[in-house]
Amino acid sequence: MIRGLIVSKKNKKKHKVSRWLDDIDLPMYKELFVYHCIDGETLMDLDEENLFDLGVQKFHIAKILRNVKKIEKGKFWPEVE
């Protein structure tokens, strides 16, 4: 539960992406990703062009994509309670 609300699976996935953005030191994109409903599944489908179109700065795109590759390899994904 967050602030007295029951967290659905979909909201939990969005929270997981927000936590991940914190963990890779890019918290400034949390609201942007939530606004665009970027959950874990959608995150895995994003490419450089998608991120640029969302408004992610070019020098942060590489960092996001590098960390997505770590998720794909099973090396990094935050646990969300």
PDB file of N, CA and C in Angstrom:
ATOM      1  N   MET A   1       0.828  -1.183   0.000  1.00  0.00           N
ATOM      2  CA  MET A   1       0.000   0.000   0.000  1.00  0.00           C
ATOM      3  C   MET A   1       0.874   1.250   0.000  1.00  0.00           C
ATOM      4  N   ILE A   2       0.479   2.237  -0.793  1.00  0.00           N
ATOM      5  CA  ILE A   2       1.166   3.510  -0.820  1.00  0.00           C
ATOM      6  C   ILE A   2       0.141   4.592  -0.492  1.00  0.00           C
ATOM      7  N   ARG A   3       0.417   5.350   0.566  1.00  0.00           N
ATOM      8  CA  ARG A   3      -0.471   6.428   0.997  1.00  0.00           C
ATOM      9  C   ARG A   3      -1.916   5.965   1.117  1.00  0.00           C
ATOM     10  N   GLY A   4      -2.109   4.769   1.641  1.00  0.00           N
ATOM     11  CA  GLY A   4      -3.449   4.275   1.902  1.00  0.00           C
ATOM     12  C   GLY A   4      -4.165   3.698   0.700  1.00  0.00           C
ATOM     13  N   LEU A   5      -3.504   3.642  -0.446  1.00  0.00           N
ATOM     14  CA  LEU A   5      -4.142   3.088  -1.630  1.00  0.00           C
ATOM     15  C   LEU A   5      -3.630   1.688  -1.907  1.00  0.00           C
ATOM     16  N   ILE A   6      -4.496   0.847  -2.389  1.00  0.00           N
ATOM     17  CA  ILE A   6      -4.067  -0.481  -2.798  1.00  0.00           C
ATOM     18  C   ILE A   6      -3.388  -0.326  -4.153  1.00  0.00           C
ATOM     19  N   VAL A   7      -2.228  -0.895  -4.296  1.00  0.00           N
ATOM     20  CA  VAL A   7      -1.455  -0.754  -5.517  1.00  0.00           C
ATOM     21  C   VAL A   7      -1.791  -1.899  -6.461  1.00  0.00           C
ATOM     22  N   SER A   8      -2.286  -1.568  -7.651  1.00  0.00           N
ATOM     23  CA  SER A   8      -2.582  -2.592  -8.645  1.00  0.00           C
ATOM     24  C   SER A   8      -1.275  -3.083  -9.254  1.00  0.00           C
ATOM     25  N   LYS A   9      -1.356  -4.206  -9.980  1.00  0.00           N
ATOM     26  CA  LYS A   9      -0.150  -4.720 -10.630  1.00  0.00           C
ATOM     27  C   LYS A   9       0.400  -3.709 -11.620  1.00  0.00           C
ATOM     28  N   LYS A  10      -0.490  -3.021 -12.359  1.00  0.00           N
ATOM     29  CA  LYS A  10      -0.042  -2.043 -13.336  1.00  0.00           C
ATOM     30  C   LYS A  10       0.658  -0.875 -12.647  1.00  0.00           C
ATOM     31  N   ASN A  11       0.080  -0.369 -11.553  1.00  0.00           N
ATOM     32  CA  ASN A  11       0.724   0.720 -10.820  1.00  0.00           C
ATOM     33  C   ASN A  11       2.031   0.267 -10.203  1.00  0.00           C
ATOM     34  N   LYS A  12       2.092  -0.989  -9.785  1.00  0.00           N
ATOM     35  CA  LYS A  12       3.319  -1.525  -9.206  1.00  0.00           C
ATOM     36  C   LYS A  12       4.432  -1.524 -10.253  1.00  0.00           C
ATOM     37  N   LYS A  13       4.072  -1.862 -11.498  1.00  0.00           N
ATOM     38  CA  LYS A  13       5.062  -1.857 -12.570  1.00  0.00           C
ATOM     39  C   LYS A  13       5.579  -0.445 -12.838  1.00  0.00           C
ATOM     40  N   LYS A  14       4.669   0.548 -12.809  1.00  0.00           N
ATOM     41  CA  LYS A  14       5.095   1.933 -13.013  1.00  0.00           C
ATOM     42  C   LYS A  14       5.981   2.393 -11.864  1.00  0.00           C
ATOM     43  N   HIS A  15       5.629   1.971 -10.645  1.00  0.00           N
ATOM     44  CA  HIS A  15       6.444   2.329  -9.489  1.00  0.00           C
ATOM     45  C   HIS A  15       7.831   1.701  -9.613  1.00  0.00           C
ATOM     46  N   LYS A  16       7.886   0.505 -10.161  1.00  0.00           N
ATOM     47  CA  LYS A  16       9.166  -0.170 -10.341  1.00  0.00           C
ATOM     48  C   LYS A  16      10.061   0.617 -11.299  1.00  0.00           C
ATOM     49  N   VAL A  17       9.479   1.162 -12.356  1.00  0.00           N
ATOM     50  CA  VAL A  17      10.247   1.976 -13.303  1.00  0.00           C
ATOM     51  C   VAL A  17      10.710   3.264 -12.624  1.00  0.00           C
ATOM     52  N   SER A  18       9.846   3.870 -11.818  1.00  0.00           N
ATOM     53  CA  SER A  18      10.242   5.082 -11.086  1.00  0.00           C
ATOM     54  C   SER A  18      11.402   4.791 -10.143  1.00  0.00           C
ATOM     55  N   ARG A  19      11.326   3.667  -9.459  1.00  0.00           N
ATOM     56  CA  ARG A  19      12.412   3.265  -8.548  1.00  0.00           C
ATOM     57  C   ARG A  19      13.701   3.029  -9.328  1.00  0.00           C
ATOM     58  N   TRP A  20      13.565   2.399 -10.483  1.00  0.00           N
ATOM     59  CA  TRP A  20      14.714   2.128 -11.340  1.00  0.00           C
ATOM     60  C   TRP A  20      15.368   3.435 -11.785  1.00  0.00           C
ATOM     61  N   LEU A  21      14.553   4.430 -12.158  1.00  0.00           N
ATOM     62  CA  LEU A  21      15.108   5.728 -12.545  1.00  0.00           C
ATOM     63  C   LEU A  21      15.873   6.365 -11.391  1.00  0.00           C
ATOM     64  N   ASP A  22      15.368   6.197 -10.166  1.00  0.00           N
ATOM     65  CA  ASP A  22      16.118   6.667  -8.989  1.00  0.00           C
ATOM     66  C   ASP A  22      17.449   5.941  -8.890  1.00  0.00           C
ATOM     67  N   ASP A  23      17.401   4.626  -9.059  1.00  0.00           N
ATOM     68  CA  ASP A  23      18.599   3.800  -8.893  1.00  0.00           C
ATOM     69  C   ASP A  23      19.687   4.095  -9.921  1.00  0.00           C
ATOM     70  N   ILE A  24      19.294   4.545 -11.113  1.00  0.00           N
ATOM     71  CA  ILE A  24      20.307   4.871 -12.129  1.00  0.00           C
ATOM     72  C   ILE A  24      20.589   6.385 -12.168  1.00  0.00           C
ATOM     73  N   ASP A  25      20.173   7.066 -11.105  1.00  0.00           N
ATOM     74  CA  ASP A  25      20.445   8.504 -10.934  1.00  0.00           C
ATOM     75  C   ASP A  25      19.826   9.388 -12.020  1.00  0.00           C
ATOM     76  N   LEU A  26      18.611   9.023 -12.450  1.00  0.00           N
ATOM     77  CA  LEU A  26      17.883   9.850 -13.406  1.00  0.00           C
ATOM     78  C   LEU A  26      16.454  10.108 -12.920  1.00  0.00           C
ATOM     79  N   PRO A  27      16.307  10.547 -11.669  1.00  0.00           N
ATOM     80  CA  PRO A  27      14.954  10.738 -11.125  1.00  0.00           C
ATOM     81  C   PRO A  27      14.167  11.854 -11.798  1.00  0.00           C
ATOM     82  N   MET A  28      14.858  12.712 -12.542  1.00  0.00           N
ATOM     83  CA  MET A  28      14.169  13.827 -13.190  1.00  0.00           C
ATOM     84  C   MET A  28      13.190  13.363 -14.263  1.00  0.00           C
ATOM     85  N   TYR A  29      13.278  12.086 -14.658  1.00  0.00           N
ATOM     86  CA  TYR A  29      12.381  11.555 -15.690  1.00  0.00           C
ATOM     87  C   TYR A  29      11.206  10.760 -15.121  1.00  0.00           C
ATOM     88  N   LYS A  30      11.109  10.656 -13.811  1.00  0.00           N
ATOM     89  CA  LYS A  30      10.034   9.858 -13.203  1.00  0.00           C
ATOM     90  C   LYS A  30       8.649  10.359 -13.607  1.00  0.00           C
ATOM     91  N   GLU A  31       8.404  11.650 -13.464  1.00  0.00           N
ATOM     92  CA  GLU A  31       7.089  12.192 -13.816  1.00  0.00           C
ATOM     93  C   GLU A  31       6.793  12.012 -15.302  1.00  0.00           C
ATOM     94  N   LEU A  32       7.796  12.188 -16.137  1.00  0.00           N
ATOM     95  CA  LEU A  32       7.640  12.016 -17.580  1.00  0.00           C
ATOM     96  C   LEU A  32       7.229  10.576 -17.913  1.00  0.00           C
ATOM     97  N   PHE A  33       7.903   9.612 -17.298  1.00  0.00           N
ATOM     98  CA  PHE A  33       7.598   8.207 -17.565  1.00  0.00           C
ATOM     99  C   PHE A  33       6.214   7.841 -17.031  1.00  0.00           C
ATOM    100  N   VAL A  34       5.848   8.345 -15.879  1.00  0.00           N
ATOM    101  CA  VAL A  34       4.512   8.081 -15.330  1.00  0.00           C
ATOM    102  C   VAL A  34       3.452   8.712 -16.227  1.00  0.00           C
ATOM    103  N   TYR A  35       3.671   9.954 -16.649  1.00  0.00           N
ATOM    104  CA  TYR A  35       2.719  10.663 -17.503  1.00  0.00           C
ATOM    105  C   TYR A  35       2.458   9.880 -18.793  1.00  0.00           C
ATOM    106  N   HIS A  36       3.511   9.287 -19.342  1.00  0.00           N
ATOM    107  CA  HIS A  36       3.394   8.536 -20.591  1.00  0.00           C
ATOM    108  C   HIS A  36       3.131   7.040 -20.366  1.00  0.00           C
ATOM    109  N   CYS A  37       2.812   6.679 -19.130  1.00  0.00           N
ATOM    110  CA  CYS A  37       2.456   5.293 -18.767  1.00  0.00           C
ATOM    111  C   CYS A  37       3.545   4.296 -19.149  1.00  0.00           C
ATOM    112  N   ILE A  38       4.799   4.669 -18.924  1.00  0.00           N
ATOM    113  CA  ILE A  38       5.923   3.773 -19.216  1.00  0.00           C
ATOM    114  C   ILE A  38       6.079   2.806 -18.057  1.00  0.00           C
ATOM    115  N   ASP A  39       5.655   1.570 -18.275  1.00  0.00           N
ATOM    116  CA  ASP A  39       5.841   0.530 -17.272  1.00  0.00           C
ATOM    117  C   ASP A  39       7.033  -0.315 -17.697  1.00  0.00           C
ATOM    118  N   GLY A  40       7.302  -1.369 -16.966  1.00  0.00           N
ATOM    119  CA  GLY A  40       8.469  -2.203 -17.253  1.00  0.00           C
ATOM    120  C   GLY A  40       8.458  -2.794 -18.648  1.00  0.00           C
ATOM    121  N   GLU A  41       7.299  -3.244 -19.089  1.00  0.00           N
ATOM    122  CA  GLU A  41       7.185  -3.838 -20.423  1.00  0.00           C
ATOM    123  C   GLU A  41       7.451  -2.809 -21.514  1.00  0.00           C
ATOM    124  N   THR A  42       6.860  -1.633 -21.360  1.00  0.00           N
ATOM    125  CA  THR A  42       7.053  -0.563 -22.337  1.00  0.00           C
ATOM    126  C   THR A  42       8.502  -0.094 -22.339  1.00  0.00           C
ATOM    127  N   LEU A  43       9.098  -0.005 -21.166  1.00  0.00           N
ATOM    128  CA  LEU A  43      10.495   0.413 -21.048  1.00  0.00           C
ATOM    129  C   LEU A  43      11.398  -0.453 -21.917  1.00  0.00           C
ATOM    130  N   MET A  44      11.133  -1.748 -21.925  1.00  0.00           N
ATOM    131  CA  MET A  44      11.985  -2.676 -22.670  1.00  0.00           C
ATOM    132  C   MET A  44      11.865  -2.479 -24.183  1.00  0.00           C
ATOM    133  N   ASP A  45      10.778  -1.836 -24.634  1.00  0.00           N
ATOM    134  CA  ASP A  45      10.560  -1.619 -26.066  1.00  0.00           C
ATOM    135  C   ASP A  45      11.063  -0.265 -26.558  1.00  0.00           C
ATOM    136  N   LEU A  46      11.461   0.614 -25.649  1.00  0.00           N
ATOM    137  CA  LEU A  46      11.901   1.948 -26.054  1.00  0.00           C
ATOM    138  C   LEU A  46      13.257   1.902 -26.747  1.00  0.00           C
ATOM    139  N   ASP A  47      13.391   2.742 -27.747  1.00  0.00           N
ATOM    140  CA  ASP A  47      14.689   2.877 -28.412  1.00  0.00           C
ATOM    141  C   ASP A  47      15.133   4.338 -28.325  1.00  0.00           C
ATOM    142  N   GLU A  48      16.257   4.631 -28.935  1.00  0.00           N
ATOM    143  CA  GLU A  48      16.830   5.975 -28.854  1.00  0.00           C
ATOM    144  C   GLU A  48      15.852   7.037 -29.354  1.00  0.00           C
ATOM    145  N   GLU A  49      15.204   6.759 -30.469  1.00  0.00           N
ATOM    146  CA  GLU A  49      14.261   7.716 -31.051  1.00  0.00           C
ATOM    147  C   GLU A  49      13.062   7.947 -30.131  1.00  0.00           C
ATOM    148  N   ASN A  50      12.516   6.856 -29.557  1.00  0.00           N
ATOM    149  CA  ASN A  50      11.380   6.993 -28.638  1.00  0.00           C
ATOM    150  C   ASN A  50      11.741   7.864 -27.447  1.00  0.00           C
ATOM    151  N   LEU A  51      12.904   7.610 -26.860  1.00  0.00           N
ATOM    152  CA  LEU A  51      13.331   8.370 -25.688  1.00  0.00           C
ATOM    153  C   LEU A  51      13.530   9.839 -26.033  1.00  0.00           C
ATOM    154  N   PHE A  52      14.118  10.110 -27.187  1.00  0.00           N
ATOM    155  CA  PHE A  52      14.312  11.491 -27.620  1.00  0.00           C
ATOM    156  C   PHE A  52      12.963  12.184 -27.811  1.00  0.00           C
ATOM    157  N   ASP A  53      12.010  11.470 -28.440  1.00  0.00           N
ATOM    158  CA  ASP A  53      10.675  12.023 -28.658  1.00  0.00           C
ATOM    159  C   ASP A  53       9.947  12.298 -27.343  1.00  0.00           C
ATOM    160  N   LEU A  54      10.236  11.498 -26.310  1.00  0.00           N
ATOM    161  CA  LEU A  54       9.640  11.716 -24.995  1.00  0.00           C
ATOM    162  C   LEU A  54      10.206  12.960 -24.313  1.00  0.00           C
ATOM    163  N   GLY A  55      11.393  13.384 -24.747  1.00  0.00           N
ATOM    164  CA  GLY A  55      12.013  14.557 -24.147  1.00  0.00           C
ATOM    165  C   GLY A  55      13.221  14.250 -23.285  1.00  0.00           C
ATOM    166  N   VAL A  56      13.724  13.016 -23.386  1.00  0.00           N
ATOM    167  CA  VAL A  56      14.925  12.649 -22.636  1.00  0.00           C
ATOM    168  C   VAL A  56      16.131  13.284 -23.332  1.00  0.00           C
ATOM    169  N   GLN A  57      17.006  13.891 -22.540  1.00  0.00           N
ATOM    170  CA  GLN A  57      18.188  14.532 -23.097  1.00  0.00           C
ATOM    171  C   GLN A  57      19.112  13.484 -23.710  1.00  0.00           C
ATOM    172  N   LYS A  58      19.758  13.866 -24.809  1.00  0.00           N
ATOM    173  CA  LYS A  58      20.594  12.926 -25.565  1.00  0.00           C
ATOM    174  C   LYS A  58      21.625  12.209 -24.692  1.00  0.00           C
ATOM    175  N   PHE A  59      22.267  12.944 -23.782  1.00  0.00           N
ATOM    176  CA  PHE A  59      23.316  12.305 -22.979  1.00  0.00           C
ATOM    177  C   PHE A  59      22.753  11.365 -21.922  1.00  0.00           C
ATOM    178  N   HIS A  60      21.445  11.410 -21.667  1.00  0.00           N
ATOM    179  CA  HIS A  60      20.826  10.462 -20.746  1.00  0.00           C
ATOM    180  C   HIS A  60      20.261   9.237 -21.467  1.00  0.00           C
ATOM    181  N   ILE A  61      20.020   9.369 -22.756  1.00  0.00           N
ATOM    182  CA  ILE A  61      19.479   8.255 -23.530  1.00  0.00           C
ATOM    183  C   ILE A  61      20.418   7.053 -23.478  1.00  0.00           C
ATOM    184  N   ALA A  62      21.699   7.290 -23.682  1.00  0.00           N
ATOM    185  CA  ALA A  62      22.675   6.190 -23.660  1.00  0.00           C
ATOM    186  C   ALA A  62      22.675   5.493 -22.305  1.00  0.00           C
ATOM    187  N   LYS A  63      22.577   6.268 -21.239  1.00  0.00           N
ATOM    188  CA  LYS A  63      22.571   5.684 -19.894  1.00  0.00           C
ATOM    189  C   LYS A  63      21.324   4.825 -19.680  1.00  0.00           C
ATOM    190  N   ILE A  64      20.185   5.303 -20.127  1.00  0.00           N
ATOM    191  CA  ILE A  64      18.950   4.531 -19.986  1.00  0.00           C
ATOM    192  C   ILE A  64      19.050   3.237 -20.780  1.00  0.00           C
ATOM    193  N   LEU A  65      19.472   3.322 -22.033  1.00  0.00           N
ATOM    194  CA  LEU A  65      19.551   2.118 -22.875  1.00  0.00           C
ATOM    195  C   LEU A  65      20.591   1.129 -22.345  1.00  0.00           C
ATOM    196  N   ARG A  66      21.691   1.637 -21.824  1.00  0.00           N
ATOM    197  CA  ARG A  66      22.715   0.758 -21.236  1.00  0.00           C
ATOM    198  C   ARG A  66      22.140   0.000 -20.041  1.00  0.00           C
ATOM    199  N   ASN A  67      21.354   0.681 -19.225  1.00  0.00           N
ATOM    200  CA  ASN A  67      20.762   0.034 -18.052  1.00  0.00           C
ATOM    201  C   ASN A  67      19.594  -0.873 -18.408  1.00  0.00           C
ATOM    202  N   VAL A  68      18.900  -0.596 -19.503  1.00  0.00           N
ATOM    203  CA  VAL A  68      17.860  -1.511 -19.994  1.00  0.00           C
ATOM    204  C   VAL A  68      18.514  -2.834 -20.399  1.00  0.00           C
ATOM    205  N   LYS A  69      19.688  -2.743 -21.038  1.00  0.00           N
ATOM    206  CA  LYS A  69      20.410  -3.972 -21.416  1.00  0.00           C
ATOM    207  C   LYS A  69      20.763  -4.803 -20.183  1.00  0.00           C
ATOM    208  N   LYS A  70      21.084  -4.141 -19.076  1.00  0.00           N
ATOM    209  CA  LYS A  70      21.376  -4.864 -17.829  1.00  0.00           C
ATOM    210  C   LYS A  70      20.136  -5.591 -17.337  1.00  0.00           C
ATOM    211  N   ILE A  71      18.980  -4.963 -17.481  1.00  0.00           N
ATOM    212  CA  ILE A  71      17.728  -5.621 -17.085  1.00  0.00           C
ATOM    213  C   ILE A  71      17.514  -6.858 -17.954  1.00  0.00           C
ATOM    214  N   GLU A  72      17.724  -6.706 -19.259  1.00  0.00           N
ATOM    215  CA  GLU A  72      17.534  -7.825 -20.189  1.00  0.00           C
ATOM    216  C   GLU A  72      18.433  -9.005 -19.831  1.00  0.00           C
ATOM    217  N   LYS A  73      19.605  -8.715 -19.315  1.00  0.00           N
ATOM    218  CA  LYS A  73      20.541  -9.769 -18.923  1.00  0.00           C
ATOM    219  C   LYS A  73      20.271 -10.278 -17.508  1.00  0.00           C
ATOM    220  N   GLY A  74      19.253  -9.687 -16.862  1.00  0.00           N
ATOM    221  CA  GLY A  74      18.897 -10.115 -15.517  1.00  0.00           C
ATOM    222  C   GLY A  74      19.837  -9.605 -14.434  1.00  0.00           C
ATOM    223  N   LYS A  75      20.585  -8.565 -14.743  1.00  0.00           N
ATOM    224  CA  LYS A  75      21.586  -8.076 -13.808  1.00  0.00           C
ATOM    225  C   LYS A  75      21.103  -6.950 -12.910  1.00  0.00           C
ATOM    226  N   PHE A  76      19.998  -6.305 -13.274  1.00  0.00           N
ATOM    227  CA  PHE A  76      19.608  -5.134 -12.506  1.00  0.00           C
ATOM    228  C   PHE A  76      18.134  -4.842 -12.683  1.00  0.00           C
ATOM    229  N   TRP A  77      17.382  -4.897 -11.589  1.00  0.00           N
ATOM    230  CA  TRP A  77      15.969  -4.482 -11.583  1.00  0.00           C
ATOM    231  C   TRP A  77      15.577  -4.366 -10.116  1.00  0.00           C
ATOM    232  N   PRO A  78      15.111  -3.206  -9.680  1.00  0.00           N
ATOM    233  CA  PRO A  78      14.811  -3.031  -8.259  1.00  0.00           C
ATOM    234  C   PRO A  78      13.613  -3.841  -7.797  1.00  0.00           C
ATOM    235  N   GLU A  79      13.663  -4.257  -6.576  1.00  0.00           N
ATOM    236  CA  GLU A  79      12.518  -4.943  -5.966  1.00  0.00           C
ATOM    237  C   GLU A  79      11.557  -3.900  -5.452  1.00  0.00           C
ATOM    238  N   VAL A  80      10.289  -4.105  -5.688  1.00  0.00           N
ATOM    239  CA  VAL A  80       9.255  -3.180  -5.226  1.00  0.00           C
ATOM    240  C   VAL A  80       8.310  -3.946  -4.321  1.00  0.00           C
ATOM    241  N   GLU A  81       8.112  -3.409  -3.132  1.00  0.00           N
ATOM    242  CA  GLU A  81       7.248  -4.082  -2.164  1.00  0.00           C
ATOM    243  C   GLU A  81       5.817  -3.666  -2.339  1.00  0.00           C
TER     244      GLU A  81
END
